[in-house]
Amino acid sequence: MESRNSFFKVMINENFTRELQLPPAFVRLHAEILPVNAKLRISSGETWNVKLEQTDDGRYFFTRGWNKFVKYVGLELGEFVMFTLSGNSVYDVTVFGINQCDRKIDFSDSDPDEEQC
């Protein structure tokens, strides 16, 4: 079976602003390479440092730095976020709005609410 390096999460409860749990199946596939210090990268190339912490029961969460990422990109309840582990502890992140279209997050030269659809 081919190993997958992507996962998605739907922002479905209020706790997503403080921490985000990685899917257990993704963790099982990549446990040996999961970094303690990771970077989240959006399409414009900007990155945020986040901590990946393991709980006593074996679950993994993005913690320290995650709330800054959430605030900057303006993640909202109901949005869908795709993460692709691209190597060197970097996750490429794509955000899909509640309208099911991907959102452009590059604030340097456009309206942050602009959607790609």
Protein backbone atom coordinates (compact mmCIF):
# COMPACT_ATOMS: atom_id res chain seq x y z
CA MET A 1 0.00 0.00 0.00
CA GLU A 2 1.35 3.43 -0.97
CA SER A 3 2.03 5.84 1.88
CA ARG A 4 -0.01 9.07 1.83
CA ASN A 5 1.38 12.37 2.98
CA SER A 6 -1.80 14.48 3.08
CA PHE A 7 -4.78 14.84 5.36
CA PHE A 8 -7.69 17.22 5.77
CA LYS A 9 -9.60 18.61 8.71
CA VAL A 10 -12.95 20.34 8.88
CA MET A 11 -13.07 23.09 11.48
CA ILE A 12 -16.12 21.74 13.32
CA ASN A 13 -15.74 22.74 16.95
CA GLU A 14 -14.60 25.83 18.78
CA ASN A 15 -11.40 24.15 20.02
CA PHE A 16 -9.81 24.34 16.56
CA THR A 17 -8.54 27.84 17.34
CA ARG A 18 -6.31 26.56 20.19
CA GLU A 19 -5.09 23.22 18.86
CA LEU A 20 -5.70 20.80 16.02
CA GLN A 21 -5.49 17.02 16.24
CA LEU A 22 -3.78 15.17 13.41
CA PRO A 23 -5.75 12.15 12.17
CA PRO A 24 -4.65 8.91 13.88
CA ALA A 25 -4.28 7.12 10.51
CA PHE A 26 -1.88 9.84 9.28
CA VAL A 27 0.11 9.58 12.52
CA ARG A 28 0.37 5.78 12.18
CA LEU A 29 1.72 6.13 8.63
CA HIS A 30 4.23 8.87 9.47
CA ALA A 31 5.04 8.48 13.18
CA GLU A 32 8.75 8.01 12.51
CA ILE A 33 9.07 11.31 10.64
CA LEU A 34 6.67 13.59 12.52
CA PRO A 35 8.66 16.64 13.63
CA VAL A 36 8.29 18.26 17.04
CA ASN A 37 8.79 21.65 15.38
CA ALA A 38 6.92 22.04 12.12
CA LYS A 39 6.13 24.81 9.68
CA LEU A 40 2.80 25.55 8.04
CA ARG A 41 3.21 27.11 4.58
CA ILE A 42 0.52 28.83 2.53
CA SER A 43 0.56 29.29 -1.25
CA SER A 44 2.28 32.70 -1.03
CA GLY A 45 5.24 31.00 0.67
CA GLU A 46 4.69 32.53 4.11
CA THR A 47 5.31 30.11 6.98
CA TRP A 48 4.34 29.78 10.64
CA ASN A 49 6.22 27.75 13.23
CA VAL A 50 4.02 25.34 15.15
CA LYS A 51 4.70 22.76 17.81
CA LEU A 52 3.54 19.18 17.28
CA GLU A 53 2.85 17.66 20.68
CA GLN A 54 2.01 14.08 21.58
CA THR A 55 -0.40 13.36 24.44
CA ASP A 56 -0.04 10.45 26.86
CA ASP A 57 -2.62 8.49 24.88
CA GLY A 58 -0.65 8.82 21.62
CA ARG A 59 -2.64 11.59 19.92
CA TYR A 60 -0.76 14.38 18.11
CA PHE A 61 -1.80 18.02 18.03
CA PHE A 62 -0.58 21.23 16.44
CA THR A 63 -0.28 23.48 19.49
CA ARG A 64 2.06 26.42 20.11
CA GLY A 65 1.89 28.75 17.11
CA TRP A 66 -1.29 27.16 15.73
CA ASN A 67 -3.50 29.94 17.17
CA LYS A 68 -1.41 32.60 15.40
CA PHE A 69 -1.82 30.74 12.11
CA VAL A 70 -5.60 30.46 12.66
CA LYS A 71 -5.87 34.17 13.35
CA TYR A 72 -3.70 35.26 10.42
CA VAL A 73 -5.47 33.18 7.79
CA GLY A 74 -8.86 33.85 9.35
CA LEU A 75 -9.96 30.22 9.71
CA GLU A 76 -13.65 29.94 10.45
CA LEU A 77 -16.00 27.28 11.73
CA GLY A 78 -17.04 24.97 8.89
CA GLU A 79 -13.98 25.54 6.70
CA PHE A 80 -12.01 22.63 5.27
CA VAL A 81 -8.22 22.67 5.51
CA MET A 82 -5.85 20.36 3.62
CA PHE A 83 -2.33 19.64 4.89
CA THR A 84 0.41 18.05 2.78
CA LEU A 85 3.65 17.02 4.44
CA SER A 86 6.19 18.10 1.86
CA GLY A 87 9.36 17.17 3.71
CA ASN A 88 11.75 19.06 5.96
CA SER A 89 9.00 19.44 8.59
CA VAL A 90 6.87 21.62 6.27
CA TYR A 91 3.14 21.20 5.77
CA ASP A 92 1.68 22.95 2.73
CA VAL A 93 -1.77 24.24 3.68
CA THR A 94 -4.80 24.90 1.49
CA VAL A 95 -7.97 26.42 2.97
CA PHE A 96 -11.40 25.86 1.44
CA GLY A 97 -14.14 28.27 2.50
CA ILE A 98 -17.65 27.29 3.50
CA ASN A 99 -18.63 27.85 -0.13
CA GLN A 100 -16.39 24.83 -0.95
CA CYS A 101 -13.90 26.90 -2.99
CA ASP A 102 -10.26 27.35 -2.10
CA ARG A 103 -9.40 30.68 -0.51
CA LYS A 104 -6.42 32.77 -1.49
CA ILE A 105 -4.50 33.64 1.67
CA ASP A 106 -1.80 35.88 0.20
CA PHE A 107 -2.52 39.21 1.90
CA SER A 108 0.39 41.00 0.29
CA ASP A 109 -1.35 41.95 -2.94
CA SER A 110 -5.02 41.06 -2.74
CA ASP A 111 -8.21 41.08 -0.72
CA PRO A 112 -7.88 38.39 2.00
CA ASP A 113 -11.49 37.32 1.44
CA GLU A 114 -10.97 36.70 -2.28
CA GLU A 115 -11.88 33.16 -3.32
CA GLN A 116 -10.44 31.14 -6.16
CA CYS A 117 -13.75 29.83 -7.62
